[in-house]
Amino acid sequence: MAKRRRRKSSIKPRRFEFHNRWHIKDSIRNNRSLYIIALIILAVLLIIAGVIKYIADNYTIQNVYVNGNKHYTDEEIIDMVMTDRLCKNSMYLSIKYRNKSIRNIPFIEKMDVDIVSPDSVRINVYEKAIAGYITYLGHYMYFDREGIVVESSFEPSDEVPQVMGLSFNSVIIHEKLPVENDEVFEEILDITQLLAKYELHCDKIFFDSDYNVYLYFGGIEVSIGSKDNIDEKIIALKKIFRTEQLEGKSGLLEMKDYNEDTKNTPFYPKNE
């Protein structure tokens, strides 16, 4: 009887065993790599969390200094600058306003923020040089020393006087008031600066048709006259208010003829 040939098996155990072992080692290697990557990511996250905690603990703003503001209070300025919770952190604030001024705020040219220390910042306010304001169609229109209308508001200001007696047909924001005598605006600013220098605060400045000046302090009307000797008149006015006890009175203080020689300043009480 012829012997049957044994068919060779196509299975190669050793090669399969080697491939399986290689696959296991590769899987272990990949798992180890993922484990290492996970540890690195965790370490980075812990470092970031530590840095954030350090910044939060050491850069929280405790002191805010405000310089240069007159129209707004310190609290109002701080609210304009520190607009959210993150702004309580000096590092965040320094990044937010680095090389950047805060603009588009009424009566303010710009504001800068300086970091004094990790827990202290200083806000520098640069206000517009406003000479006075006029009323127009229910609005208070504020203008600078050149007569350019810089702001419009529904509220009058206690810092600058109302200017009356100027003739104009229209008022356009950011444009010059159309009056006949442009020099009147510089005169208004000179008057307000002199009044501020000598700690006098008038409510209104009135110009008649010849541009003679009248100042109003409550019930006291002061006839200044022309701008000649205006410095001497304001200095004298300061002395008069200090020595003549005019507070609470009503009447006309005549100073249009005042000079160093005459020193003529008669007061005419108002008939009640």
Protein backbone atom coordinates (compact mmCIF):
# COMPACT_ATOMS: atom_id res chain seq x y z
CA MET A 1 0.00 0.00 0.00
CA ALA A 2 1.32 3.40 -0.95
CA LYS A 3 1.95 5.74 1.92
CA ARG A 4 0.09 9.04 1.93
CA ARG A 5 2.19 12.11 1.95
CA ARG A 6 1.66 14.26 4.99
CA ARG A 7 0.59 17.71 3.92
CA LYS A 8 2.86 20.40 5.27
CA SER A 9 1.16 22.70 7.65
CA SER A 10 0.98 26.34 6.50
CA ILE A 11 1.04 27.55 10.12
CA LYS A 12 4.33 28.90 11.28
CA PRO A 13 4.17 29.02 15.06
CA ARG A 14 7.49 30.63 15.61
CA ARG A 15 6.86 33.49 13.24
CA PHE A 16 3.42 34.09 14.76
CA GLU A 17 4.84 33.92 18.24
CA PHE A 18 7.54 36.44 17.30
CA HIS A 19 4.99 38.81 15.72
CA ASN A 20 2.71 38.58 18.76
CA ARG A 21 5.61 39.24 21.11
CA TRP A 22 6.66 42.26 19.02
CA HIS A 23 3.09 43.59 19.12
CA ILE A 24 2.96 43.28 22.90
CA LYS A 25 6.29 45.04 23.34
CA ASP A 26 5.18 47.83 20.99
CA SER A 27 1.91 48.19 22.91
CA ILE A 28 3.81 48.40 26.20
CA ARG A 29 6.16 50.97 24.71
CA ASN A 30 3.24 53.06 23.46
CA ASN A 31 1.49 52.87 26.82
CA ARG A 32 4.69 53.92 28.55
CA SER A 33 5.03 56.88 26.17
CA LEU A 34 1.43 57.91 26.81
CA TYR A 35 2.04 57.61 30.53
CA ILE A 36 5.13 59.83 30.30
CA ILE A 37 3.25 62.36 28.17
CA ALA A 38 0.40 62.36 30.67
CA LEU A 39 2.86 62.97 33.52
CA ILE A 40 4.44 65.86 31.59
CA ILE A 41 1.04 67.41 30.86
CA LEU A 42 0.06 67.02 34.52
CA ALA A 43 3.33 68.62 35.64
CA VAL A 44 2.81 71.53 33.24
CA LEU A 45 -0.75 72.00 34.47
CA LEU A 46 0.44 71.97 38.08
CA ILE A 47 3.11 74.56 37.26
CA ILE A 48 0.56 76.75 35.47
CA ALA A 49 -1.85 76.41 38.40
CA GLY A 50 0.95 77.36 40.78
CA VAL A 51 1.88 80.40 38.70
CA ILE A 52 -1.76 81.50 38.52
CA LYS A 53 -2.14 81.10 42.29
CA TYR A 54 1.07 83.04 42.89
CA ILE A 55 -0.08 85.86 40.61
CA ALA A 56 -3.52 85.90 42.22
CA ASP A 57 -2.03 85.99 45.73
CA ASN A 58 0.70 88.55 45.07
CA TYR A 59 -0.65 90.81 42.30
CA THR A 60 -4.10 91.63 43.66
CA ILE A 61 -4.50 95.41 43.62
CA GLN A 62 -4.84 96.93 47.07
CA ASN A 63 -4.04 100.59 46.31
CA VAL A 64 -5.19 102.75 43.40
CA TYR A 65 -3.87 106.31 43.02
CA VAL A 66 -5.59 108.77 40.68
CA ASN A 67 -3.87 111.93 39.42
CA GLY A 68 -5.07 114.84 37.30
CA ASN A 69 -8.84 114.40 37.59
CA LYS A 70 -11.15 117.33 38.30
CA HIS A 71 -14.34 116.63 36.40
CA TYR A 72 -14.71 113.05 37.71
CA THR A 73 -14.18 111.66 41.21
CA ASP A 74 -11.50 109.08 41.97
CA GLU A 75 -14.16 106.38 42.28
CA GLU A 76 -15.64 107.24 38.86
CA ILE A 77 -12.20 107.10 37.24
CA ILE A 78 -11.43 103.75 38.86
CA ASP A 79 -14.75 102.32 37.59
CA MET A 80 -13.89 103.48 34.04
CA VAL A 81 -10.49 101.74 34.12
CA MET A 82 -11.17 98.62 36.16
CA THR A 83 -14.12 97.35 34.18
CA ASP A 84 -14.19 93.67 35.28
CA ARG A 85 -12.95 91.31 38.00
CA LEU A 86 -9.72 90.52 36.16
CA CYS A 87 -8.79 94.20 36.32
CA LYS A 88 -8.28 93.74 40.07
CA ASN A 89 -4.99 92.06 39.11
CA SER A 90 -2.09 94.42 38.41
CA MET A 91 -0.36 92.06 35.96
CA TYR A 92 -3.53 91.68 33.89
CA LEU A 93 -4.09 95.43 34.04
CA SER A 94 -0.53 96.15 32.87
CA ILE A 95 -0.99 93.82 29.89
CA LYS A 96 -4.42 95.26 29.04
CA TYR A 97 -3.21 98.87 28.99
CA ARG A 98 0.42 98.35 27.93
CA ASN A 99 1.40 101.14 25.52
CA LYS A 100 -2.29 102.01 25.26
CA SER A 101 -4.21 105.05 26.46
CA ILE A 102 -7.88 105.08 27.42
CA ARG A 103 -9.81 107.48 25.20
CA ASN A 104 -13.35 108.39 24.12
CA ILE A 105 -14.42 109.48 27.62
CA PRO A 106 -16.26 112.81 27.92
CA PHE A 107 -14.10 115.70 29.16
CA ILE A 108 -10.96 113.52 29.15
CA GLU A 109 -8.22 113.62 26.53
CA LYS A 110 -6.72 110.31 27.64
CA MET A 111 -5.86 108.15 30.67
CA ASP A 112 -2.73 106.06 31.26
CA VAL A 113 -2.18 103.27 33.80
CA ASP A 114 1.17 102.78 35.57
CA ILE A 115 2.00 99.77 37.73
CA VAL A 116 3.66 101.15 40.87
CA SER A 117 4.12 97.78 42.59
CA PRO A 118 2.46 94.34 42.43
CA ASP A 119 -0.38 95.58 44.63
CA SER A 120 -0.51 99.26 43.59
CA VAL A 121 -1.39 101.11 40.37
CA ARG A 122 -1.57 104.78 39.39
CA ILE A 123 -4.11 106.16 36.91
CA ASN A 124 -2.96 109.36 35.18
CA VAL A 125 -5.85 111.49 33.91
CA TYR A 126 -5.37 114.15 31.23
CA GLU A 127 -8.51 116.26 31.04
CA LYS A 128 -9.46 118.48 28.15
CA ALA A 129 -8.76 122.19 28.67
CA ILE A 130 -12.38 123.32 28.83
CA ALA A 131 -12.92 127.06 29.01
CA GLY A 132 -16.68 127.10 29.61
CA TYR A 133 -20.03 125.95 28.33
CA ILE A 134 -23.09 127.37 26.60
CA THR A 135 -26.67 126.16 26.48
CA TYR A 136 -28.07 125.14 23.10
CA LEU A 137 -31.33 123.31 22.37
CA GLY A 138 -31.51 121.80 25.83
CA HIS A 139 -27.87 120.68 25.83
CA TYR A 140 -24.80 121.98 27.60
CA MET A 141 -22.09 122.44 24.98
CA TYR A 142 -18.53 122.58 26.37
CA PHE A 143 -15.77 124.31 24.42
CA ASP A 144 -12.00 124.69 24.74
CA ARG A 145 -9.74 127.76 24.59
CA GLU A 146 -10.04 127.85 20.79
CA GLY A 147 -13.83 127.78 20.89
CA ILE A 148 -14.08 124.21 19.59
CA VAL A 149 -17.03 122.32 21.02
CA VAL A 150 -15.47 119.25 22.64
CA GLU A 151 -18.40 117.72 24.51
CA SER A 152 -22.18 117.76 24.72
CA SER A 153 -23.94 116.89 27.98
CA PHE A 154 -27.32 116.97 29.64
CA GLU A 155 -25.72 118.15 32.87
CA PRO A 156 -24.12 121.51 33.73
CA SER A 157 -20.64 121.52 35.26
CA ASP A 158 -19.58 122.91 38.61
CA GLU A 159 -15.98 123.18 37.41
CA VAL A 160 -16.37 125.73 34.59
CA PRO A 161 -18.77 128.67 34.23
CA GLN A 162 -21.66 129.11 31.87
CA VAL A 163 -20.83 131.67 29.19
CA MET A 164 -23.62 133.97 28.07
CA GLY A 165 -24.00 136.80 25.58
CA LEU A 166 -22.23 135.16 22.61
CA SER A 167 -24.16 135.22 19.34
CA PHE A 168 -24.18 132.16 17.06
CA ASN A 169 -26.65 130.48 14.73
CA SER A 170 -25.57 126.85 15.07
CA VAL A 171 -23.45 124.56 17.20
CA ILE A 172 -21.65 121.50 15.80
CA ILE A 173 -19.68 119.10 17.98
CA HIS A 174 -15.91 119.16 17.31
CA GLU A 175 -16.22 122.39 15.37
CA LYS A 176 -15.59 126.00 16.36
CA LEU A 177 -18.41 128.14 17.69
CA PRO A 178 -19.29 130.62 14.91
CA VAL A 179 -18.89 133.94 16.76
CA GLU A 180 -17.67 137.25 15.39
CA ASN A 181 -14.71 137.68 17.73
CA ASP A 182 -12.51 134.57 18.01
CA GLU A 183 -10.31 136.18 20.66
CA VAL A 184 -13.13 135.92 23.18
CA PHE A 185 -12.40 132.21 23.77
CA GLU A 186 -8.84 132.81 24.90
CA GLU A 187 -10.12 135.62 27.11
CA ILE A 188 -12.65 133.24 28.68
CA LEU A 189 -9.94 130.70 29.49
CA ASP A 190 -7.68 133.41 30.91
CA ILE A 191 -10.52 134.55 33.18
CA THR A 192 -11.33 131.02 34.39
CA GLN A 193 -7.66 130.27 35.05
CA LEU A 194 -7.24 133.51 37.00
CA LEU A 195 -10.35 132.74 39.03
CA ALA A 196 -9.05 129.24 39.78
CA LYS A 197 -5.63 130.62 40.71
CA TYR A 198 -7.14 132.95 43.31
CA GLU A 199 -9.73 130.39 44.45
CA LEU A 200 -12.73 132.25 43.11
CA HIS A 201 -15.55 130.34 41.50
CA CYS A 202 -18.10 132.22 39.42
CA ASP A 203 -21.32 130.74 38.13
CA LYS A 204 -21.57 132.70 34.89
CA ILE A 205 -19.57 134.92 32.57
CA PHE A 206 -21.58 137.38 30.50
CA PHE A 207 -20.38 139.42 27.51
CA ASP A 208 -22.37 142.42 26.32
CA SER A 209 -22.40 143.60 22.71
CA ASP A 210 -19.08 145.44 23.24
CA TYR A 211 -17.51 142.38 24.89
CA ASN A 212 -17.44 143.94 28.32
CA VAL A 213 -17.22 141.23 30.98
CA TYR A 214 -19.64 140.56 33.84
CA LEU A 215 -18.98 137.85 36.42
CA TYR A 216 -21.70 136.32 38.60
CA PHE A 217 -21.11 134.89 42.06
CA GLY A 218 -24.51 133.86 43.37
CA GLY A 219 -26.37 137.15 43.94
CA ILE A 220 -23.27 139.30 43.31
CA GLU A 221 -22.81 140.74 39.83
CA VAL A 222 -19.28 142.03 39.14
CA SER A 223 -18.82 144.47 36.28
CA ILE A 224 -15.24 143.89 35.07
CA GLY A 225 -15.45 145.98 31.91
CA SER A 226 -12.85 145.37 29.21
CA LYS A 227 -10.03 142.83 29.50
CA ASP A 228 -7.57 145.64 30.31
CA ASN A 229 -5.93 145.17 33.73
CA ILE A 230 -7.88 141.93 34.14
CA ASP A 231 -5.16 140.42 36.37
CA GLU A 232 -5.22 143.34 38.79
CA LYS A 233 -9.02 143.33 38.86
CA ILE A 234 -9.22 139.63 39.77
CA ILE A 235 -6.60 140.08 42.52
CA ALA A 236 -8.59 143.02 43.89
CA LEU A 237 -11.79 140.99 43.64
CA LYS A 238 -10.24 138.29 45.83
CA LYS A 239 -9.40 140.89 48.50
CA ILE A 240 -12.87 142.42 48.29
CA PHE A 241 -14.61 139.10 48.83
CA ARG A 242 -12.32 138.39 51.77
CA THR A 243 -12.67 141.77 53.50
CA GLU A 244 -16.03 143.26 52.51
CA GLN A 245 -18.15 140.31 53.64
CA LEU A 246 -20.23 140.15 50.49
CA GLU A 247 -21.19 136.52 50.96
CA GLY A 248 -24.95 136.11 51.05
CA LYS A 249 -25.57 139.61 49.71
CA SER A 250 -27.04 140.69 46.36
CA GLY A 251 -26.00 143.63 44.25
CA LEU A 252 -23.59 145.09 41.71
CA LEU A 253 -19.86 145.42 42.35
CA GLU A 254 -18.55 148.01 39.91
CA MET A 255 -14.93 147.36 38.85
CA LYS A 256 -14.80 148.55 35.26
CA ASP A 257 -12.91 151.71 36.25
CA TYR A 258 -10.58 149.95 38.67
CA ASN A 259 -6.82 150.45 38.31
CA GLU A 260 -3.84 150.67 40.65
CA ASP A 261 -4.30 154.42 41.03
CA THR A 262 -8.03 154.82 41.61
CA LYS A 263 -8.83 151.44 43.22
CA ASN A 264 -12.46 152.36 42.59
CA THR A 265 -14.82 149.45 43.47
CA PRO A 266 -18.24 150.77 44.63
CA PHE A 267 -20.90 148.25 45.61
CA TYR A 268 -24.58 148.86 44.91
CA PRO A 269 -26.88 146.58 46.94
CA LYS A 270 -29.86 145.18 45.18
CA ASN A 271 -33.20 146.48 46.36
CA GLU A 272 -35.16 143.57 47.78
